[in-house]
């Protein structure tokens, strides 16, 4: 599998662009106290993978239909190449998408470029 291939619940998609965000998740005990001391309560790391779909010639008709079904999912098994670990990983993610505009042109449905984001449901330990 190449670095632009993702698998969602066992179905492979090749994305046009992919980007990664890594953020620490603080717990309830994090923050600054009355005396100004900063306390960290890091509970783990959350990964977010953003997948861009730009090529309307590739993402149309039935392939577009299959891709649009992803945004109906509340969670999924997501396999991708993780740049921080330098290997492929599978994580439990939830799916987020902005509105996706779809047009009917000469009997074929096409989408404007869009992005689907996959955000980790559990935290990784640090």
N, C-alpha and C. Protein backbone atom coordinates (compact mmCIF):
# COMPACT_ATOMS: atom_id res chain seq x y z
N UNK A 1 0.84 -1.19 0.00
CA UNK A 1 0.00 0.00 0.00
C UNK A 1 0.88 1.25 0.00
N UNK A 2 0.47 2.24 -0.77
CA UNK A 2 1.25 3.47 -0.77
C UNK A 2 0.74 4.42 0.31
N UNK A 3 1.42 5.52 0.48
CA UNK A 3 1.10 6.45 1.56
C UNK A 3 -0.17 7.25 1.32
N UNK A 4 -0.69 7.23 0.09
CA UNK A 4 -1.95 7.90 -0.22
C UNK A 4 -3.14 6.96 -0.15
N UNK A 5 -2.91 5.71 0.20
CA UNK A 5 -4.00 4.75 0.34
C UNK A 5 -4.47 4.70 1.78
N UNK A 6 -5.78 4.78 1.94
CA UNK A 6 -6.39 4.59 3.25
C UNK A 6 -7.36 3.42 3.12
N UNK A 7 -7.64 2.79 4.24
CA UNK A 7 -8.68 1.76 4.28
C UNK A 7 -9.67 2.15 5.36
N UNK A 8 -10.94 2.15 4.98
CA UNK A 8 -12.01 2.44 5.92
C UNK A 8 -12.90 1.21 5.96
N UNK A 9 -12.93 0.57 7.13
CA UNK A 9 -13.69 -0.68 7.30
C UNK A 9 -13.38 -1.68 6.19
N UNK A 10 -12.10 -1.77 5.84
CA UNK A 10 -11.63 -2.75 4.87
C UNK A 10 -11.73 -2.34 3.41
N UNK A 11 -12.31 -1.18 3.12
CA UNK A 11 -12.42 -0.71 1.74
C UNK A 11 -11.30 0.30 1.48
N UNK A 12 -10.56 0.10 0.39
CA UNK A 12 -9.41 0.94 0.08
C UNK A 12 -9.82 2.13 -0.78
N UNK A 13 -9.30 3.30 -0.41
CA UNK A 13 -9.47 4.53 -1.18
C UNK A 13 -8.09 5.13 -1.40
N UNK A 14 -7.88 5.73 -2.56
CA UNK A 14 -6.64 6.46 -2.81
C UNK A 14 -7.00 7.93 -2.80
N UNK A 15 -6.43 8.68 -1.85
CA UNK A 15 -6.78 10.09 -1.68
C UNK A 15 -5.84 10.95 -2.51
N UNK A 16 -6.28 12.18 -2.80
CA UNK A 16 -5.44 13.09 -3.58
C UNK A 16 -4.39 13.78 -2.70
N UNK A 17 -4.75 14.11 -1.47
CA UNK A 17 -3.82 14.68 -0.49
C UNK A 17 -4.19 14.15 0.88
N UNK A 18 -3.18 14.08 1.74
CA UNK A 18 -3.42 13.62 3.11
C UNK A 18 -2.55 14.46 4.04
N UNK A 19 -3.11 14.84 5.18
CA UNK A 19 -2.34 15.61 6.17
C UNK A 19 -2.68 15.09 7.56
N UNK A 20 -1.80 15.39 8.50
CA UNK A 20 -1.88 14.82 9.84
C UNK A 20 -1.81 15.91 10.89
N UNK A 21 -2.55 15.74 11.97
CA UNK A 21 -2.45 16.60 13.15
C UNK A 21 -2.32 15.71 14.36
N UNK A 22 -1.41 16.10 15.24
CA UNK A 22 -1.19 15.37 16.48
C UNK A 22 -1.35 16.37 17.62
N UNK A 23 -2.19 16.06 18.59
CA UNK A 23 -2.39 17.00 19.70
C UNK A 23 -2.46 16.25 21.02
N UNK A 24 -1.90 16.89 22.04
CA UNK A 24 -1.99 16.34 23.39
C UNK A 24 -3.38 16.65 23.94
N UNK A 25 -3.92 15.69 24.65
CA UNK A 25 -5.22 15.87 25.29
C UNK A 25 -5.00 16.00 26.79
N UNK A 26 -5.37 17.16 27.35
CA UNK A 26 -5.23 17.39 28.79
C UNK A 26 -6.45 16.88 29.53
N UNK A 27 -6.22 16.43 30.76
CA UNK A 27 -7.30 15.98 31.64
C UNK A 27 -7.86 17.12 32.46
N UNK A 28 -8.77 16.79 33.37
CA UNK A 28 -9.45 17.79 34.20
C UNK A 28 -8.51 18.51 35.16
N UNK A 29 -7.39 17.90 35.51
CA UNK A 29 -6.49 18.50 36.50
C UNK A 29 -5.43 19.40 35.87
N UNK A 30 -5.54 19.69 34.60
CA UNK A 30 -4.58 20.57 33.93
C UNK A 30 -5.00 22.02 34.11
N UNK A 31 -4.03 22.89 34.17
CA UNK A 31 -4.34 24.31 34.25
C UNK A 31 -3.43 25.03 35.22
N UNK A 32 -3.67 26.31 35.35
CA UNK A 32 -2.85 27.16 36.21
C UNK A 32 -3.55 27.34 37.56
N UNK A 33 -2.79 27.19 38.62
CA UNK A 33 -3.36 27.34 39.96
C UNK A 33 -3.39 28.82 40.35
N UNK A 34 -3.97 29.12 41.52
CA UNK A 34 -4.07 30.50 41.99
C UNK A 34 -2.72 31.15 42.20
N UNK A 35 -1.68 30.35 42.51
CA UNK A 35 -0.35 30.93 42.71
C UNK A 35 0.44 31.05 41.40
N UNK A 36 -0.21 30.72 40.28
CA UNK A 36 0.43 30.88 38.97
C UNK A 36 1.18 29.66 38.47
N UNK A 37 1.22 28.60 39.28
CA UNK A 37 1.92 27.39 38.86
C UNK A 37 1.09 26.65 37.81
N UNK A 38 1.77 26.21 36.75
CA UNK A 38 1.09 25.47 35.69
C UNK A 38 1.19 23.98 35.95
N UNK A 39 0.07 23.31 35.90
CA UNK A 39 0.03 21.85 36.07
C UNK A 39 -0.44 21.21 34.78
N UNK A 40 0.27 20.19 34.38
CA UNK A 40 -0.12 19.43 33.19
C UNK A 40 -0.72 18.11 33.64
N UNK A 41 -1.77 17.72 32.99
CA UNK A 41 -2.42 16.44 33.23
C UNK A 41 -2.69 15.82 31.85
N UNK A 42 -1.61 15.45 31.18
CA UNK A 42 -1.73 14.92 29.82
C UNK A 42 -2.26 13.49 29.89
N UNK A 43 -3.40 13.27 29.28
CA UNK A 43 -3.98 11.92 29.29
C UNK A 43 -3.61 11.13 28.05
N UNK A 44 -3.13 11.81 27.01
CA UNK A 44 -2.71 11.08 25.82
C UNK A 44 -2.63 11.96 24.59
N UNK A 45 -2.44 11.31 23.47
CA UNK A 45 -2.28 11.98 22.19
C UNK A 45 -3.44 11.59 21.28
N UNK A 46 -3.98 12.57 20.58
CA UNK A 46 -5.07 12.34 19.63
C UNK A 46 -4.55 12.63 18.22
N UNK A 47 -4.83 11.72 17.30
CA UNK A 47 -4.43 11.88 15.91
C UNK A 47 -5.64 12.27 15.07
N UNK A 48 -5.41 13.17 14.13
CA UNK A 48 -6.44 13.52 13.15
C UNK A 48 -5.81 13.42 11.77
N UNK A 49 -6.50 12.73 10.87
CA UNK A 49 -6.02 12.56 9.50
C UNK A 49 -7.05 13.21 8.58
N UNK A 50 -6.58 14.18 7.78
CA UNK A 50 -7.45 14.87 6.83
C UNK A 50 -7.16 14.36 5.43
N UNK A 51 -8.20 13.92 4.75
CA UNK A 51 -8.07 13.35 3.40
C UNK A 51 -8.78 14.26 2.41
N UNK A 52 -8.04 14.74 1.42
CA UNK A 52 -8.59 15.63 0.41
C UNK A 52 -8.90 14.85 -0.86
N UNK A 53 -10.07 15.12 -1.42
CA UNK A 53 -10.52 14.50 -2.65
C UNK A 53 -10.76 15.63 -3.65
N UNK A 54 -9.85 15.77 -4.61
CA UNK A 54 -9.86 16.93 -5.51
C UNK A 54 -10.18 16.58 -6.96
N UNK A 55 -9.86 15.39 -7.38
CA UNK A 55 -9.94 15.01 -8.79
C UNK A 55 -11.36 14.58 -9.14
N UNK A 56 -12.14 15.50 -9.70
CA UNK A 56 -13.55 15.18 -9.98
C UNK A 56 -13.70 14.11 -11.06
N UNK A 57 -12.68 13.93 -11.90
CA UNK A 57 -12.77 12.86 -12.90
C UNK A 57 -12.65 11.49 -12.25
N UNK A 58 -11.95 11.42 -11.12
CA UNK A 58 -11.79 10.15 -10.41
C UNK A 58 -12.97 9.90 -9.46
N UNK A 59 -13.45 10.97 -8.82
CA UNK A 59 -14.50 10.84 -7.82
C UNK A 59 -15.83 11.28 -8.41
N UNK A 60 -16.42 10.41 -9.23
CA UNK A 60 -17.73 10.70 -9.81
C UNK A 60 -18.53 9.41 -9.89
N UNK A 61 -19.79 9.54 -10.20
CA UNK A 61 -20.65 8.36 -10.38
C UNK A 61 -20.64 7.42 -9.19
N UNK A 62 -20.43 6.13 -9.45
CA UNK A 62 -20.48 5.09 -8.41
C UNK A 62 -19.35 5.26 -7.40
N UNK A 63 -18.16 5.67 -7.85
CA UNK A 63 -17.06 5.84 -6.89
C UNK A 63 -17.36 6.99 -5.94
N UNK A 64 -18.00 8.04 -6.44
CA UNK A 64 -18.40 9.15 -5.57
C UNK A 64 -19.47 8.68 -4.59
N UNK A 65 -20.40 7.89 -5.05
CA UNK A 65 -21.46 7.36 -4.18
C UNK A 65 -20.87 6.57 -3.02
N UNK A 66 -19.90 5.71 -3.31
CA UNK A 66 -19.25 4.93 -2.24
C UNK A 66 -18.53 5.83 -1.26
N UNK A 67 -17.89 6.85 -1.77
CA UNK A 67 -17.15 7.77 -0.90
C UNK A 67 -18.10 8.58 -0.02
N UNK A 68 -19.22 9.01 -0.57
CA UNK A 68 -20.18 9.79 0.21
C UNK A 68 -20.79 8.97 1.34
N UNK A 69 -20.82 7.66 1.20
CA UNK A 69 -21.34 6.81 2.26
C UNK A 69 -20.46 6.87 3.51
N UNK A 70 -19.21 7.28 3.35
CA UNK A 70 -18.32 7.39 4.51
C UNK A 70 -18.84 8.40 5.53
N UNK A 71 -19.43 9.49 5.05
CA UNK A 71 -19.84 10.54 5.98
C UNK A 71 -21.08 10.15 6.79
N UNK A 72 -21.70 9.01 6.45
CA UNK A 72 -22.81 8.50 7.25
C UNK A 72 -22.31 7.73 8.48
N UNK A 73 -21.04 7.37 8.48
CA UNK A 73 -20.49 6.54 9.56
C UNK A 73 -20.26 7.39 10.81
N UNK A 74 -20.60 6.82 11.96
CA UNK A 74 -20.29 7.49 13.22
C UNK A 74 -18.92 7.07 13.72
N UNK A 75 -18.46 5.90 13.32
CA UNK A 75 -17.11 5.44 13.66
C UNK A 75 -16.69 4.42 12.62
N UNK A 76 -15.37 4.18 12.56
CA UNK A 76 -14.87 3.23 11.57
C UNK A 76 -13.50 2.72 12.00
N UNK A 77 -13.11 1.62 11.38
CA UNK A 77 -11.74 1.12 11.50
C UNK A 77 -10.96 1.78 10.37
N UNK A 78 -9.94 2.56 10.72
CA UNK A 78 -9.22 3.39 9.75
C UNK A 78 -7.77 2.96 9.70
N UNK A 79 -7.32 2.51 8.53
CA UNK A 79 -5.93 2.09 8.33
C UNK A 79 -5.24 3.10 7.43
N UNK A 80 -4.06 3.56 7.87
CA UNK A 80 -3.34 4.60 7.14
C UNK A 80 -1.86 4.53 7.47
N UNK A 81 -1.05 5.23 6.68
CA UNK A 81 0.37 5.33 6.98
C UNK A 81 0.55 6.50 7.93
N UNK A 82 1.00 6.21 9.15
CA UNK A 82 1.18 7.24 10.16
C UNK A 82 2.61 7.76 10.09
N UNK A 83 2.75 9.05 9.85
CA UNK A 83 4.07 9.64 9.68
C UNK A 83 4.86 9.63 10.99
N UNK A 84 4.21 9.77 12.13
CA UNK A 84 4.92 9.78 13.42
C UNK A 84 5.50 8.41 13.75
N UNK A 85 4.79 7.35 13.41
CA UNK A 85 5.25 5.99 13.69
C UNK A 85 6.02 5.39 12.52
N UNK A 86 5.96 6.04 11.36
CA UNK A 86 6.62 5.59 10.14
C UNK A 86 6.20 4.17 9.75
N UNK A 87 4.91 3.90 9.91
CA UNK A 87 4.36 2.60 9.53
C UNK A 87 2.84 2.72 9.41
N UNK A 88 2.23 1.71 8.84
CA UNK A 88 0.77 1.69 8.73
C UNK A 88 0.17 1.31 10.08
N UNK A 89 -0.92 1.99 10.45
CA UNK A 89 -1.63 1.73 11.69
C UNK A 89 -3.12 1.60 11.41
N UNK A 90 -3.81 0.92 12.29
CA UNK A 90 -5.27 0.87 12.25
C UNK A 90 -5.78 1.41 13.57
N UNK A 91 -6.67 2.40 13.48
CA UNK A 91 -7.22 3.03 14.68
C UNK A 91 -8.74 3.14 14.54
N UNK A 92 -9.40 3.21 15.69
CA UNK A 92 -10.83 3.46 15.74
C UNK A 92 -11.02 4.98 15.63
N UNK A 93 -11.69 5.42 14.58
CA UNK A 93 -11.84 6.85 14.31
C UNK A 93 -13.31 7.20 14.11
N UNK A 94 -13.62 8.48 14.32
CA UNK A 94 -14.92 8.96 13.89
C UNK A 94 -14.72 9.85 12.67
N UNK A 95 -15.79 10.04 11.91
CA UNK A 95 -15.72 10.68 10.61
C UNK A 95 -16.37 12.06 10.67
N UNK A 96 -15.68 13.07 10.11
CA UNK A 96 -16.19 14.44 10.07
C UNK A 96 -16.03 14.96 8.64
N UNK A 97 -17.04 15.68 8.18
CA UNK A 97 -16.96 16.26 6.84
C UNK A 97 -17.67 17.60 6.81
N UNK A 98 -17.13 18.52 6.03
CA UNK A 98 -17.85 19.75 5.72
C UNK A 98 -18.89 19.41 4.65
N UNK A 99 -19.80 20.33 4.36
CA UNK A 99 -20.76 20.06 3.29
C UNK A 99 -20.04 19.74 1.97
N UNK A 100 -20.58 18.78 1.23
CA UNK A 100 -20.00 18.37 -0.05
C UNK A 100 -21.00 18.72 -1.14
N UNK A 101 -20.56 19.57 -2.08
CA UNK A 101 -21.42 19.97 -3.20
C UNK A 101 -21.27 18.99 -4.34
N UNK A 102 -22.39 18.46 -4.80
CA UNK A 102 -22.41 17.50 -5.90
C UNK A 102 -23.27 18.09 -7.03
N UNK A 103 -22.76 17.96 -8.25
CA UNK A 103 -23.44 18.47 -9.43
C UNK A 103 -23.72 17.34 -10.41
N UNK A 104 -24.83 17.47 -11.13
CA UNK A 104 -25.15 16.54 -12.21
C UNK A 104 -24.77 17.22 -13.52
N UNK A 105 -23.78 16.65 -14.22
CA UNK A 105 -23.30 17.21 -15.48
C UNK A 105 -23.35 16.12 -16.54
N UNK A 106 -24.14 16.35 -17.57
CA UNK A 106 -24.28 15.38 -18.67
C UNK A 106 -24.59 13.98 -18.16
N UNK A 107 -25.46 13.89 -17.16
CA UNK A 107 -25.91 12.60 -16.66
C UNK A 107 -24.98 11.92 -15.66
N UNK A 108 -23.89 12.59 -15.28
CA UNK A 108 -22.94 12.01 -14.32
C UNK A 108 -22.81 12.96 -13.13
N UNK A 109 -22.82 12.40 -11.91
CA UNK A 109 -22.64 13.20 -10.71
C UNK A 109 -21.15 13.43 -10.45
N UNK A 110 -20.80 14.70 -10.20
CA UNK A 110 -19.43 15.09 -9.86
C UNK A 110 -19.47 15.91 -8.58
N UNK A 111 -18.40 15.85 -7.81
CA UNK A 111 -18.31 16.65 -6.59
C UNK A 111 -17.24 17.71 -6.74
N UNK A 112 -17.49 18.87 -6.11
CA UNK A 112 -16.42 19.84 -5.97
C UNK A 112 -15.38 19.24 -5.02
N UNK A 113 -14.13 19.72 -5.06
CA UNK A 113 -13.13 19.20 -4.12
C UNK A 113 -13.66 19.28 -2.68
N UNK A 114 -13.38 18.25 -1.91
CA UNK A 114 -13.85 18.21 -0.53
C UNK A 114 -12.85 17.46 0.34
N UNK A 115 -13.10 17.54 1.64
CA UNK A 115 -12.21 16.90 2.61
C UNK A 115 -13.04 16.09 3.59
N UNK A 116 -12.53 14.91 3.93
CA UNK A 116 -13.11 14.09 5.00
C UNK A 116 -12.02 13.90 6.04
N UNK A 117 -12.38 14.13 7.31
CA UNK A 117 -11.41 14.01 8.40
C UNK A 117 -11.75 12.81 9.27
N UNK A 118 -10.72 12.14 9.71
CA UNK A 118 -10.85 10.98 10.58
C UNK A 118 -10.13 11.31 11.88
N UNK A 119 -10.87 11.29 13.00
CA UNK A 119 -10.33 11.71 14.29
C UNK A 119 -10.40 10.55 15.25
N UNK A 120 -9.29 10.33 15.91
CA UNK A 120 -9.14 9.18 16.81
C UNK A 120 -10.13 9.24 17.96
N UNK A 121 -10.78 8.12 18.24
CA UNK A 121 -11.76 8.07 19.32
C UNK A 121 -11.10 7.83 20.68
N UNK A 122 -10.02 7.06 20.72
CA UNK A 122 -9.29 6.81 21.96
C UNK A 122 -7.99 7.59 21.92
N UNK A 123 -7.39 7.82 23.06
CA UNK A 123 -6.10 8.52 23.08
C UNK A 123 -4.97 7.51 23.11
N UNK A 124 -3.85 7.88 22.47
CA UNK A 124 -2.63 7.10 22.58
C UNK A 124 -1.90 7.54 23.84
N UNK A 125 -1.31 6.60 24.54
CA UNK A 125 -0.53 6.96 25.72
C UNK A 125 0.76 7.62 25.29
N UNK A 126 1.21 8.55 26.10
CA UNK A 126 2.47 9.27 25.83
C UNK A 126 3.52 8.76 26.79
